[in-house]
PDB file of N, CA and C in Angstrom:
ATOM      1  N   MET A   1      -9.552  12.505   5.175  1.00  0.00           N
ATOM      2  CA  MET A   1     -10.550  12.396   4.129  1.00  0.00           C
ATOM      3  C   MET A   1     -10.228  11.187   3.255  1.00  0.00           C
ATOM      4  N   ILE A   2     -11.203  10.338   3.059  1.00  0.00           N
ATOM      5  CA  ILE A   2     -11.015   9.138   2.251  1.00  0.00           C
ATOM      6  C   ILE A   2     -11.106   9.520   0.780  1.00  0.00           C
ATOM      7  N   PRO A   3     -10.098   9.129  -0.019  1.00  0.00           N
ATOM      8  CA  PRO A   3     -10.221   9.373  -1.458  1.00  0.00           C
ATOM      9  C   PRO A   3     -11.416   8.599  -2.006  1.00  0.00           C
ATOM     10  N   LYS A   4     -12.010   9.121  -3.061  1.00  0.00           N
ATOM     11  CA  LYS A   4     -13.139   8.402  -3.651  1.00  0.00           C
ATOM     12  C   LYS A   4     -12.625   7.113  -4.284  1.00  0.00           C
ATOM     13  N   GLU A   5     -13.556   6.262  -4.663  1.00  0.00           N
ATOM     14  CA  GLU A   5     -13.167   4.981  -5.250  1.00  0.00           C
ATOM     15  C   GLU A   5     -12.237   5.217  -6.435  1.00  0.00           C
ATOM     16  N   PRO A   6     -11.092   4.535  -6.435  1.00  0.00           N
ATOM     17  CA  PRO A   6     -10.118   4.776  -7.507  1.00  0.00           C
ATOM     18  C   PRO A   6     -10.617   4.275  -8.849  1.00  0.00           C
ATOM     19  N   LYS A   7     -10.261   5.005  -9.880  1.00  0.00           N
ATOM     20  CA  LYS A   7     -10.535   4.531 -11.241  1.00  0.00           C
ATOM     21  C   LYS A   7      -9.311   3.731 -11.661  1.00  0.00           C
ATOM     22  N   LEU A   8      -9.486   2.443 -11.756  1.00  0.00           N
ATOM     23  CA  LEU A   8      -8.368   1.583 -12.120  1.00  0.00           C
ATOM     24  C   LEU A   8      -8.256   1.529 -13.638  1.00  0.00           C
ATOM     25  N   GLU A   9      -7.693   2.597 -14.173  1.00  0.00           N
ATOM     26  CA  GLU A   9      -7.466   2.710 -15.609  1.00  0.00           C
ATOM     27  C   GLU A   9      -6.025   2.306 -15.894  1.00  0.00           C
ATOM     28  N   PRO A  10      -5.744   1.848 -17.113  1.00  0.00           N
ATOM     29  CA  PRO A  10      -4.390   1.375 -17.419  1.00  0.00           C
ATOM     30  C   PRO A  10      -3.276   2.338 -16.996  1.00  0.00           C
ATOM     31  N   GLN A  11      -3.460   3.634 -17.191  1.00  0.00           N
ATOM     32  CA  GLN A  11      -2.400   4.588 -16.875  1.00  0.00           C
ATOM     33  C   GLN A  11      -2.206   4.794 -15.367  1.00  0.00           C
ATOM     34  N   SER A  12      -3.153   4.364 -14.538  1.00  0.00           N
ATOM     35  CA  SER A  12      -3.020   4.558 -13.092  1.00  0.00           C
ATOM     36  C   SER A  12      -2.872   3.244 -12.318  1.00  0.00           C
ATOM     37  N   LEU A  13      -2.754   2.131 -13.019  1.00  0.00           N
ATOM     38  CA  LEU A  13      -2.710   0.842 -12.334  1.00  0.00           C
ATOM     39  C   LEU A  13      -1.517   0.715 -11.392  1.00  0.00           C
ATOM     40  N   THR A  14      -0.342   1.141 -11.815  1.00  0.00           N
ATOM     41  CA  THR A  14       0.847   1.012 -10.973  1.00  0.00           C
ATOM     42  C   THR A  14       0.674   1.778  -9.673  1.00  0.00           C
ATOM     43  N   LYS A  15       0.178   2.999  -9.759  1.00  0.00           N
ATOM     44  CA  LYS A  15      -0.031   3.827  -8.565  1.00  0.00           C
ATOM     45  C   LYS A  15      -0.959   3.122  -7.582  1.00  0.00           C
ATOM     46  N   HIS A  16      -2.109   2.661  -8.060  1.00  0.00           N
ATOM     47  CA  HIS A  16      -3.085   2.019  -7.183  1.00  0.00           C
ATOM     48  C   HIS A  16      -2.604   0.646  -6.711  1.00  0.00           C
ATOM     49  N   PHE A  17      -1.847  -0.023  -7.543  1.00  0.00           N
ATOM     50  CA  PHE A  17      -1.269  -1.317  -7.182  1.00  0.00           C
ATOM     51  C   PHE A  17      -0.328  -1.146  -5.989  1.00  0.00           C
ATOM     52  N   ASN A  18       0.572  -0.170  -6.080  1.00  0.00           N
ATOM     53  CA  ASN A  18       1.516   0.090  -4.995  1.00  0.00           C
ATOM     54  C   ASN A  18       0.791   0.503  -3.713  1.00  0.00           C
ATOM     55  N   GLU A  19      -0.208   1.358  -3.846  1.00  0.00           N
ATOM     56  CA  GLU A  19      -0.988   1.775  -2.673  1.00  0.00           C
ATOM     57  C   GLU A  19      -1.652   0.568  -2.010  1.00  0.00           C
ATOM     58  N   ALA A  20      -2.235  -0.314  -2.823  1.00  0.00           N
ATOM     59  CA  ALA A  20      -2.912  -1.494  -2.282  1.00  0.00           C
ATOM     60  C   ALA A  20      -1.935  -2.397  -1.541  1.00  0.00           C
ATOM     61  N   LEU A  21      -0.744  -2.597  -2.112  1.00  0.00           N
ATOM     62  CA  LEU A  21       0.261  -3.430  -1.445  1.00  0.00           C
ATOM     63  C   LEU A  21       0.670  -2.840  -0.104  1.00  0.00           C
ATOM     64  N   ILE A  22       0.933  -1.550  -0.084  1.00  0.00           N
ATOM     65  CA  ILE A  22       1.399  -0.882   1.135  1.00  0.00           C
ATOM     66  C   ILE A  22       0.307  -0.852   2.195  1.00  0.00           C
ATOM     67  N   LEU A  23      -0.882  -0.440   1.816  1.00  0.00           N
ATOM     68  CA  LEU A  23      -1.976  -0.370   2.788  1.00  0.00           C
ATOM     69  C   LEU A  23      -2.335  -1.757   3.316  1.00  0.00           C
ATOM     70  N   SER A  24      -2.291  -2.752   2.456  1.00  0.00           N
ATOM     71  CA  SER A  24      -2.587  -4.112   2.875  1.00  0.00           C
ATOM     72  C   SER A  24      -1.553  -4.609   3.888  1.00  0.00           C
ATOM     73  N   ALA A  25      -0.283  -4.330   3.633  1.00  0.00           N
ATOM     74  CA  ALA A  25       0.775  -4.733   4.570  1.00  0.00           C
ATOM     75  C   ALA A  25       0.589  -4.031   5.913  1.00  0.00           C
ATOM     76  N   LEU A  26       0.226  -2.759   5.881  1.00  0.00           N
ATOM     77  CA  LEU A  26      -0.009  -2.027   7.129  1.00  0.00           C
ATOM     78  C   LEU A  26      -1.289  -2.492   7.813  1.00  0.00           C
ATOM     79  N   GLY A  27      -2.200  -3.067   7.047  1.00  0.00           N
ATOM     80  CA  GLY A  27      -3.416  -3.622   7.626  1.00  0.00           C
ATOM     81  C   GLY A  27      -3.130  -4.795   8.556  1.00  0.00           C
ATOM     82  N   ARG A  28      -1.968  -5.405   8.410  1.00  0.00           N
ATOM     83  CA  ARG A  28      -1.561  -6.503   9.283  1.00  0.00           C
ATOM     84  C   ARG A  28      -0.821  -6.004  10.516  1.00  0.00           C
ATOM     85  N   GLY A  29      -0.620  -4.686  10.598  1.00  0.00           N
ATOM     86  CA  GLY A  29       0.013  -4.110  11.782  1.00  0.00           C
ATOM     87  C   GLY A  29       1.016  -3.028  11.413  1.00  0.00           C
ATOM     88  N   PRO A  30       1.349  -2.160  12.374  1.00  0.00           N
ATOM     89  CA  PRO A  30       2.292  -1.058  12.128  1.00  0.00           C
ATOM     90  C   PRO A  30       3.679  -1.586  11.745  1.00  0.00           C
ATOM     91  N   LYS A  31       4.358  -0.828  10.884  1.00  0.00           N
ATOM     92  CA  LYS A  31       5.687  -1.234  10.425  1.00  0.00           C
ATOM     93  C   LYS A  31       6.529  -0.014  10.089  1.00  0.00           C
ATOM     94  N   HIS A  32       7.833  -0.173  10.211  1.00  0.00           N
ATOM     95  CA  HIS A  32       8.770   0.813   9.699  1.00  0.00           C
ATOM     96  C   HIS A  32       8.841   0.625   8.179  1.00  0.00           C
ATOM     97  N   GLY A  33       9.291   1.627   7.476  1.00  0.00           N
ATOM     98  CA  GLY A  33       9.366   1.545   6.017  1.00  0.00           C
ATOM     99  C   GLY A  33      10.127   0.331   5.527  1.00  0.00           C
ATOM    100  N   TYR A  34      11.297   0.078   6.109  1.00  0.00           N
ATOM    101  CA  TYR A  34      12.111  -1.060   5.675  1.00  0.00           C
ATOM    102  C   TYR A  34      11.385  -2.375   5.952  1.00  0.00           C
ATOM    103  N   GLN A  35      10.756  -2.482   7.129  1.00  0.00           N
ATOM    104  CA  GLN A  35       9.972  -3.674   7.466  1.00  0.00           C
ATOM    105  C   GLN A  35       8.852  -3.886   6.459  1.00  0.00           C
ATOM    106  N   LEU A  36       8.232  -2.795   6.078  1.00  0.00           N
ATOM    107  CA  LEU A  36       7.127  -2.823   5.128  1.00  0.00           C
ATOM    108  C   LEU A  36       7.583  -3.410   3.794  1.00  0.00           C
ATOM    109  N   ALA A  37       8.706  -2.909   3.296  1.00  0.00           N
ATOM    110  CA  ALA A  37       9.259  -3.405   2.031  1.00  0.00           C
ATOM    111  C   ALA A  37       9.594  -4.891   2.129  1.00  0.00           C
ATOM    112  N   LEU A  38      10.212  -5.306   3.241  1.00  0.00           N
ATOM    113  CA  LEU A  38      10.550  -6.721   3.428  1.00  0.00           C
ATOM    114  C   LEU A  38       9.310  -7.596   3.504  1.00  0.00           C
ATOM    115  N   ASP A  39       8.275  -7.113   4.200  1.00  0.00           N
ATOM    116  CA  ASP A  39       7.031  -7.861   4.332  1.00  0.00           C
ATOM    117  C   ASP A  39       6.393  -8.098   2.969  1.00  0.00           C
ATOM    118  N   ILE A  40       6.325  -7.063   2.161  1.00  0.00           N
ATOM    119  CA  ILE A  40       5.716  -7.182   0.832  1.00  0.00           C
ATOM    120  C   ILE A  40       6.541  -8.131  -0.038  1.00  0.00           C
ATOM    121  N   GLU A  41       7.840  -7.992   0.012  1.00  0.00           N
ATOM    122  CA  GLU A  41       8.708  -8.860  -0.789  1.00  0.00           C
ATOM    123  C   GLU A  41       8.559 -10.324  -0.354  1.00  0.00           C
ATOM    124  N   GLU A  42       8.548 -10.552   0.950  1.00  0.00           N
ATOM    125  CA  GLU A  42       8.434 -11.916   1.469  1.00  0.00           C
ATOM    126  C   GLU A  42       7.078 -12.524   1.136  1.00  0.00           C
ATOM    127  N   ARG A  43       6.008 -11.779   1.393  1.00  0.00           N
ATOM    128  CA  ARG A  43       4.659 -12.315   1.156  1.00  0.00           C
ATOM    129  C   ARG A  43       4.378 -12.538  -0.332  1.00  0.00           C
ATOM    130  N   SER A  44       5.073 -11.799  -1.195  1.00  0.00           N
ATOM    131  CA  SER A  44       4.880 -11.964  -2.643  1.00  0.00           C
ATOM    132  C   SER A  44       5.883 -12.951  -3.236  1.00  0.00           C
ATOM    133  N   GLU A  45       6.654 -13.605  -2.367  1.00  0.00           N
ATOM    134  CA  GLU A  45       7.690 -14.546  -2.797  1.00  0.00           C
ATOM    135  C   GLU A  45       8.665 -13.886  -3.761  1.00  0.00           C
ATOM    136  N   GLY A  46       8.996 -12.626  -3.474  1.00  0.00           N
ATOM    137  CA  GLY A  46       9.993 -11.907  -4.255  1.00  0.00           C
ATOM    138  C   GLY A  46       9.486 -11.265  -5.535  1.00  0.00           C
ATOM    139  N   ARG A  47       8.209 -11.348  -5.803  1.00  0.00           N
ATOM    140  CA  ARG A  47       7.665 -10.782  -7.043  1.00  0.00           C
ATOM    141  C   ARG A  47       7.508  -9.266  -6.980  1.00  0.00           C
ATOM    142  N   PHE A  48       7.276  -8.721  -5.782  1.00  0.00           N
ATOM    143  CA  PHE A  48       7.062  -7.281  -5.623  1.00  0.00           C
ATOM    144  C   PHE A  48       8.120  -6.731  -4.680  1.00  0.00           C
ATOM    145  N   VAL A  49       8.980  -5.895  -5.237  1.00  0.00           N
ATOM    146  CA  VAL A  49      10.090  -5.339  -4.481  1.00  0.00           C
ATOM    147  C   VAL A  49      10.018  -3.820  -4.560  1.00  0.00           C
ATOM    148  N   PHE A  50      10.102  -3.169  -3.412  1.00  0.00           N
ATOM    149  CA  PHE A  50      10.100  -1.708  -3.371  1.00  0.00           C
ATOM    150  C   PHE A  50      11.507  -1.202  -3.110  1.00  0.00           C
ATOM    151  N   LYS A  51      11.919  -0.248  -3.907  1.00  0.00           N
ATOM    152  CA  LYS A  51      13.175   0.451  -3.666  1.00  0.00           C
ATOM    153  C   LYS A  51      12.849   1.695  -2.847  1.00  0.00           C
ATOM    154  N   HIS A  52      13.838   2.193  -2.095  1.00  0.00           N
ATOM    155  CA  HIS A  52      13.620   3.366  -1.249  1.00  0.00           C
ATOM    156  C   HIS A  52      13.055   4.539  -2.047  1.00  0.00           C
ATOM    157  N   GLY A  53      13.559   4.741  -3.253  1.00  0.00           N
ATOM    158  CA  GLY A  53      13.125   5.865  -4.077  1.00  0.00           C
ATOM    159  C   GLY A  53      11.675   5.775  -4.508  1.00  0.00           C
ATOM    160  N   THR A  54      11.106   4.587  -4.441  1.00  0.00           N
ATOM    161  CA  THR A  54       9.697   4.381  -4.777  1.00  0.00           C
ATOM    162  C   THR A  54       8.837   4.368  -3.518  1.00  0.00           C
ATOM    163  N   LEU A  55       9.270   3.637  -2.506  1.00  0.00           N
ATOM    164  CA  LEU A  55       8.466   3.422  -1.307  1.00  0.00           C
ATOM    165  C   LEU A  55       8.199   4.699  -0.520  1.00  0.00           C
ATOM    166  N   TYR A  56       9.235   5.452  -0.201  1.00  0.00           N
ATOM    167  CA  TYR A  56       9.055   6.587   0.709  1.00  0.00           C
ATOM    168  C   TYR A  56       8.203   7.722   0.130  1.00  0.00           C
ATOM    169  N   PRO A  57       8.314   8.035  -1.138  1.00  0.00           N
ATOM    170  CA  PRO A  57       7.373   9.047  -1.667  1.00  0.00           C
ATOM    171  C   PRO A  57       5.913   8.600  -1.567  1.00  0.00           C
ATOM    172  N   ILE A  58       5.665   7.309  -1.756  1.00  0.00           N
ATOM    173  CA  ILE A  58       4.295   6.803  -1.630  1.00  0.00           C
ATOM    174  C   ILE A  58       3.836   6.904  -0.174  1.00  0.00           C
ATOM    175  N   LEU A  59       4.710   6.536   0.762  1.00  0.00           N
ATOM    176  CA  LEU A  59       4.364   6.642   2.178  1.00  0.00           C
ATOM    177  C   LEU A  59       4.060   8.088   2.555  1.00  0.00           C
ATOM    178  N   HIS A  60       4.871   9.021   2.083  1.00  0.00           N
ATOM    179  CA  HIS A  60       4.647  10.442   2.393  1.00  0.00           C
ATOM    180  C   HIS A  60       3.311  10.920   1.825  1.00  0.00           C
ATOM    181  N   LYS A  61       2.994  10.475   0.612  1.00  0.00           N
ATOM    182  CA  LYS A  61       1.723  10.863  -0.016  1.00  0.00           C
ATOM    183  C   LYS A  61       0.536  10.290   0.761  1.00  0.00           C
ATOM    184  N   LEU A  62       0.614   9.020   1.130  1.00  0.00           N
ATOM    185  CA  LEU A  62      -0.465   8.389   1.890  1.00  0.00           C
ATOM    186  C   LEU A  62      -0.633   9.046   3.258  1.00  0.00           C
ATOM    187  N   GLU A  63       0.484   9.461   3.849  1.00  0.00           N
ATOM    188  CA  GLU A  63       0.421  10.153   5.136  1.00  0.00           C
ATOM    189  C   GLU A  63      -0.225  11.527   4.976  1.00  0.00           C
ATOM    190  N   LYS A  64       0.146  12.224   3.931  1.00  0.00           N
ATOM    191  CA  LYS A  64      -0.436  13.548   3.663  1.00  0.00           C
ATOM    192  C   LYS A  64      -1.942  13.447   3.419  1.00  0.00           C
ATOM    193  N   GLN A  65      -2.388  12.355   2.799  1.00  0.00           N
ATOM    194  CA  GLN A  65      -3.809  12.138   2.532  1.00  0.00           C
ATOM    195  C   GLN A  65      -4.564  11.689   3.779  1.00  0.00           C
ATOM    196  N   GLY A  66      -3.851  11.381   4.851  1.00  0.00           N
ATOM    197  CA  GLY A  66      -4.501  10.949   6.084  1.00  0.00           C
ATOM    198  C   GLY A  66      -4.874   9.477   6.104  1.00  0.00           C
ATOM    199  N   LEU A  67      -4.310   8.698   5.183  1.00  0.00           N
ATOM    200  CA  LEU A  67      -4.622   7.272   5.124  1.00  0.00           C
ATOM    201  C   LEU A  67      -3.719   6.454   6.037  1.00  0.00           C
ATOM    202  N   ILE A  68      -2.539   6.988   6.310  1.00  0.00           N
ATOM    203  CA  ILE A  68      -1.625   6.372   7.267  1.00  0.00           C
ATOM    204  C   ILE A  68      -1.087   7.483   8.163  1.00  0.00           C
ATOM    205  N   GLU A  69      -0.564   7.073   9.304  1.00  0.00           N
ATOM    206  CA  GLU A  69       0.115   8.049  10.151  1.00  0.00           C
ATOM    207  C   GLU A  69       1.436   7.446  10.592  1.00  0.00           C
ATOM    208  N   GLY A  70       2.410   8.317  10.716  1.00  0.00           N
ATOM    209  CA  GLY A  70       3.728   7.869  11.120  1.00  0.00           C
ATOM    210  C   GLY A  70       4.136   8.529  12.421  1.00  0.00           C
ATOM    211  N   ALA A  71       4.898   7.801  13.202  1.00  0.00           N
ATOM    212  CA  ALA A  71       5.412   8.329  14.457  1.00  0.00           C
ATOM    213  C   ALA A  71       6.891   7.950  14.551  1.00  0.00           C
ATOM    214  N   TRP A  72       7.711   8.903  14.933  1.00  0.00           N
ATOM    215  CA  TRP A  72       9.147   8.674  15.057  1.00  0.00           C
ATOM    216  C   TRP A  72       9.426   7.934  16.354  1.00  0.00           C
ATOM    217  N   SER A  73      10.351   7.002  16.277  1.00  0.00           N
ATOM    218  CA  SER A  73      10.782   6.281  17.471  1.00  0.00           C
ATOM    219  C   SER A  73      12.304   6.260  17.502  1.00  0.00           C
ATOM    220  N   ASP A  74      12.860   6.204  18.688  1.00  0.00           N
ATOM    221  CA  ASP A  74      14.308   6.133  18.848  1.00  0.00           C
ATOM    222  C   ASP A  74      14.678   4.661  18.952  1.00  0.00           C
ATOM    223  N   GLU A  75      15.435   4.185  18.008  1.00  0.00           N
ATOM    224  CA  GLU A  75      15.779   2.765  17.949  1.00  0.00           C
ATOM    225  C   GLU A  75      17.190   2.490  18.463  1.00  0.00           C
ATOM    226  N   GLY A  76      17.707   3.332  19.333  1.00  0.00           N
ATOM    227  CA  GLY A  76      19.046   3.109  19.879  1.00  0.00           C
ATOM    228  C   GLY A  76      20.100   3.308  18.822  1.00  0.00           C
ATOM    229  N   GLN A  77      20.899   2.283  18.555  1.00  0.00           N
ATOM    230  CA  GLN A  77      21.981   2.372  17.578  1.00  0.00           C
ATOM    231  C   GLN A  77      21.472   2.619  16.170  1.00  0.00           C
ATOM    232  N   ARG A  78      20.272   2.211  15.903  1.00  0.00           N
ATOM    233  CA  ARG A  78      19.700   2.402  14.565  1.00  0.00           C
ATOM    234  C   ARG A  78      19.253   3.839  14.327  1.00  0.00           C
ATOM    235  N   GLY A  79      19.188   4.623  15.376  1.00  0.00           N
ATOM    236  CA  GLY A  79      18.739   6.004  15.231  1.00  0.00           C
ATOM    237  C   GLY A  79      17.227   6.096  15.216  1.00  0.00           C
ATOM    238  N   ARG A  80      16.742   7.211  14.732  1.00  0.00           N
ATOM    239  CA  ARG A  80      15.296   7.429  14.679  1.00  0.00           C
ATOM    240  C   ARG A  80      14.715   6.765  13.444  1.00  0.00           C
ATOM    241  N   ARG A  81      13.587   6.119  13.652  1.00  0.00           N
ATOM    242  CA  ARG A  81      12.878   5.462  12.548  1.00  0.00           C
ATOM    243  C   ARG A  81      11.408   5.825  12.654  1.00  0.00           C
ATOM    244  N   LYS A  82      10.777   5.901  11.511  1.00  0.00           N
ATOM    245  CA  LYS A  82       9.357   6.233  11.480  1.00  0.00           C
ATOM    246  C   LYS A  82       8.549   4.951  11.321  1.00  0.00           C
ATOM    247  N   ARG A  83       7.586   4.783  12.194  1.00  0.00           N
ATOM    248  CA  ARG A  83       6.713   3.611  12.175  1.00  0.00           C
ATOM    249  C   ARG A  83       5.346   4.059  11.674  1.00  0.00           C
ATOM    250  N   TYR A  84       4.841   3.364  10.669  1.00  0.00           N
ATOM    251  CA  TYR A  84       3.583   3.738  10.021  1.00  0.00           C
ATOM    252  C   TYR A  84       2.464   2.787  10.427  1.00  0.00           C
ATOM    253  N   GLN A  85       1.249   3.343  10.478  1.00  0.00           N
ATOM    254  CA  GLN A  85       0.070   2.520  10.710  1.00  0.00           C
ATOM    255  C   GLN A  85      -1.114   3.121   9.969  1.00  0.00           C
ATOM    256  N   LEU A  86      -2.102   2.277   9.692  1.00  0.00           N
ATOM    257  CA  LEU A  86      -3.311   2.741   9.019  1.00  0.00           C
ATOM    258  C   LEU A  86      -4.141   3.623   9.949  1.00  0.00           C
ATOM    259  N   THR A  87      -4.782   4.606   9.384  1.00  0.00           N
ATOM    260  CA  THR A  87      -5.783   5.391  10.104  1.00  0.00           C
ATOM    261  C   THR A  87      -7.145   4.750   9.826  1.00  0.00           C
ATOM    262  N   LYS A  88      -8.181   5.252  10.462  1.00  0.00           N
ATOM    263  CA  LYS A  88      -9.537   4.751  10.175  1.00  0.00           C
ATOM    264  C   LYS A  88      -9.870   4.962   8.705  1.00  0.00           C
ATOM    265  N   ASP A  89      -9.519   6.142   8.185  1.00  0.00           N
ATOM    266  CA  ASP A  89      -9.766   6.407   6.762  1.00  0.00           C
ATOM    267  C   ASP A  89      -8.961   5.453   5.887  1.00  0.00           C
ATOM    268  N   GLY A  90      -7.751   5.138   6.306  1.00  0.00           N
ATOM    269  CA  GLY A  90      -6.908   4.203   5.562  1.00  0.00           C
ATOM    270  C   GLY A  90      -7.515   2.817   5.503  1.00  0.00           C
ATOM    271  N   LYS A  91      -8.108   2.384   6.611  1.00  0.00           N
ATOM    272  CA  LYS A  91      -8.762   1.070   6.644  1.00  0.00           C
ATOM    273  C   LYS A  91      -9.960   1.040   5.701  1.00  0.00           C
ATOM    274  N   ARG A  92     -10.728   2.117   5.690  1.00  0.00           N
ATOM    275  CA  ARG A  92     -11.892   2.182   4.788  1.00  0.00           C
ATOM    276  C   ARG A  92     -11.439   2.225   3.327  1.00  0.00           C
ATOM    277  N   TYR A  93     -10.385   3.005   3.050  1.00  0.00           N
ATOM    278  CA  TYR A  93      -9.887   3.102   1.676  1.00  0.00           C
ATOM    279  C   TYR A  93      -9.311   1.765   1.214  1.00  0.00           C
ATOM    280  N   LEU A  94      -8.634   1.043   2.095  1.00  0.00           N
ATOM    281  CA  LEU A  94      -8.104  -0.276   1.745  1.00  0.00           C
ATOM    282  C   LEU A  94      -9.242  -1.207   1.348  1.00  0.00           C
ATOM    283  N   LYS A  95     -10.339  -1.153   2.072  1.00  0.00           N
ATOM    284  CA  LYS A  95     -11.503  -1.981   1.731  1.00  0.00           C
ATOM    285  C   LYS A  95     -12.009  -1.628   0.330  1.00  0.00           C
ATOM    286  N   THR A  96     -12.052  -0.336   0.019  1.00  0.00           N
ATOM    287  CA  THR A  96     -12.476   0.123  -1.302  1.00  0.00           C
ATOM    288  C   THR A  96     -11.509  -0.352  -2.380  1.00  0.00           C
ATOM    289  N   LEU A  97     -10.199  -0.242  -2.104  1.00  0.00           N
ATOM    290  CA  LEU A  97      -9.194  -0.700  -3.074  1.00  0.00           C
ATOM    291  C   LEU A  97      -9.340  -2.189  -3.346  1.00  0.00           C
ATOM    292  N   ARG A  98      -9.532  -2.971  -2.304  1.00  0.00           N
ATOM    293  CA  ARG A  98      -9.680  -4.420  -2.484  1.00  0.00           C
ATOM    294  C   ARG A  98     -10.864  -4.734  -3.384  1.00  0.00           C
ATOM    295  N   SER A  99     -11.965  -4.048  -3.152  1.00  0.00           N
ATOM    296  CA  SER A  99     -13.161  -4.257  -3.962  1.00  0.00           C
ATOM    297  C   SER A  99     -12.912  -3.852  -5.422  1.00  0.00           C
ATOM    298  N   SER A 100     -12.253  -2.724  -5.608  1.00  0.00           N
ATOM    299  CA  SER A 100     -11.958  -2.244  -6.966  1.00  0.00           C
ATOM    300  C   SER A 100     -11.045  -3.215  -7.708  1.00  0.00           C
ATOM    301  N   TRP A 101     -10.023  -3.725  -7.019  1.00  0.00           N
ATOM    302  CA  TRP A 101      -9.095  -4.658  -7.664  1.00  0.00           C
ATOM    303  C   TRP A 101      -9.787  -5.981  -7.990  1.00  0.00           C
ATOM    304  N   LYS A 102     -10.652  -6.429  -7.112  1.00  0.00           N
ATOM    305  CA  LYS A 102     -11.375  -7.680  -7.371  1.00  0.00           C
ATOM    306  C   LYS A 102     -12.269  -7.521  -8.597  1.00  0.00           C
ATOM    307  N   SER A 103     -12.957  -6.403  -8.675  1.00  0.00           N
ATOM    308  CA  SER A 103     -13.823  -6.126  -9.813  1.00  0.00           C
ATOM    309  C   SER A 103     -13.013  -6.024 -11.110  1.00  0.00           C
ATOM    310  N   LEU A 104     -11.875  -5.336 -11.039  1.00  0.00           N
ATOM    311  CA  LEU A 104     -11.010  -5.211 -12.221  1.00  0.00           C
ATOM    312  C   LEU A 104     -10.534  -6.584 -12.678  1.00  0.00           C
ATOM    313  N   GLN A 105     -10.121  -7.406 -11.743  1.00  0.00           N
ATOM    314  CA  GLN A 105      -9.642  -8.740 -12.083  1.00  0.00           C
ATOM    315  C   GLN A 105     -10.736  -9.542 -12.785  1.00  0.00           C
ATOM    316  N   GLN A 106     -11.940  -9.481 -12.261  1.00  0.00           N
ATOM    317  CA  GLN A 106     -13.049 -10.211 -12.873  1.00  0.00           C
ATOM    318  C   GLN A 106     -13.332  -9.709 -14.289  1.00  0.00           C
ATOM    319  N   ARG A 107     -13.346  -8.380 -14.462  1.00  0.00           N
ATOM    320  CA  ARG A 107     -13.589  -7.823 -15.804  1.00  0.00           C
ATOM    321  C   ARG A 107     -12.457  -8.178 -16.766  1.00  0.00           C
ATOM    322  N   PHE A 108     -11.217  -8.130 -16.272  1.00  0.00           N
ATOM    323  CA  PHE A 108     -10.060  -8.436 -17.098  1.00  0.00           C
ATOM    324  C   PHE A 108     -10.130  -9.874 -17.614  1.00  0.00           C
ATOM    325  N   PHE A 109     -10.381 -10.834 -16.712  1.00  0.00           N
ATOM    326  CA  PHE A 109     -10.439 -12.226 -17.138  1.00  0.00           C
ATOM    327  C   PHE A 109     -11.667 -12.527 -17.978  1.00  0.00           C
ATOM    328  N   ALA A 110     -12.740 -11.776 -17.778  1.00  0.00           N
ATOM    329  CA  ALA A 110     -13.899 -11.931 -18.652  1.00  0.00           C
ATOM    330  C   ALA A 110     -13.536 -11.462 -20.070  1.00  0.00           C
ATOM    331  N   LEU A 111     -12.702 -10.455 -20.146  1.00  0.00           N
ATOM    332  CA  LEU A 111     -12.293  -9.912 -21.437  1.00  0.00           C
ATOM    333  C   LEU A 111     -11.305 -10.824 -22.162  1.00  0.00           C
ATOM    334  N   ILE A 112     -10.279 -11.300 -21.451  1.00  0.00           N
ATOM    335  CA  ILE A 112      -9.260 -12.092 -22.117  1.00  0.00           C
ATOM    336  C   ILE A 112      -9.549 -13.585 -22.084  1.00  0.00           C
ATOM    337  N   GLY A 113     -10.486 -13.987 -21.231  1.00  0.00           N
ATOM    338  CA  GLY A 113     -10.831 -15.397 -21.105  1.00  0.00           C
ATOM    339  C   GLY A 113      -9.905 -16.109 -20.142  1.00  0.00           C
ATOM    340  N   GLU A 114     -10.435 -17.164 -19.561  1.00  0.00           N
ATOM    341  CA  GLU A 114      -9.653 -18.003 -18.654  1.00  0.00           C
ATOM    342  C   GLU A 114      -9.499 -19.363 -19.269  1.00  0.00           C
ATOM    343  N   GLU A 115      -8.434 -20.034 -18.889  1.00  0.00           N
ATOM    344  CA  GLU A 115      -8.233 -21.412 -19.393  1.00  0.00           C
ATOM    345  C   GLU A 115      -8.838 -22.389 -18.441  1.00  0.00           C
TER     346      GLU A 115
END
C-alpha cells in the first residue's frame, strides 16, 4: 500500500528527507544496507551520512510498509547480508516524494527569497 502524499511539515522533514534519500538510492538499483549508506554519502559528497542506528530502523519501516523488499544472500566470508530493492509501490511513492520536495523547495525559496 502506497502511503498518501507526505505532509512536509517542519516536525516531519527529517523523516521524509531520510526516506527520500534511501528510496532514491534504491531507485538506482538494489543494494545492501552498507552499500546504500556509502552510495548516499558518496553522491552527497559527504554531506549526508547514515549511521547503522539510523539507517536500519528506516529500512525495516520501509520494508514493513511494502515500499522496499529485502532478500537475504550468503556472501561467503561476509556472512548473510540483506539486499534491498524498491517495490512497485516504492517507485510510485518515490515519485510522490520527489514532487513534494520540489514543491516544498519552491515554496521555501519564495518565502525567504533568492539572491
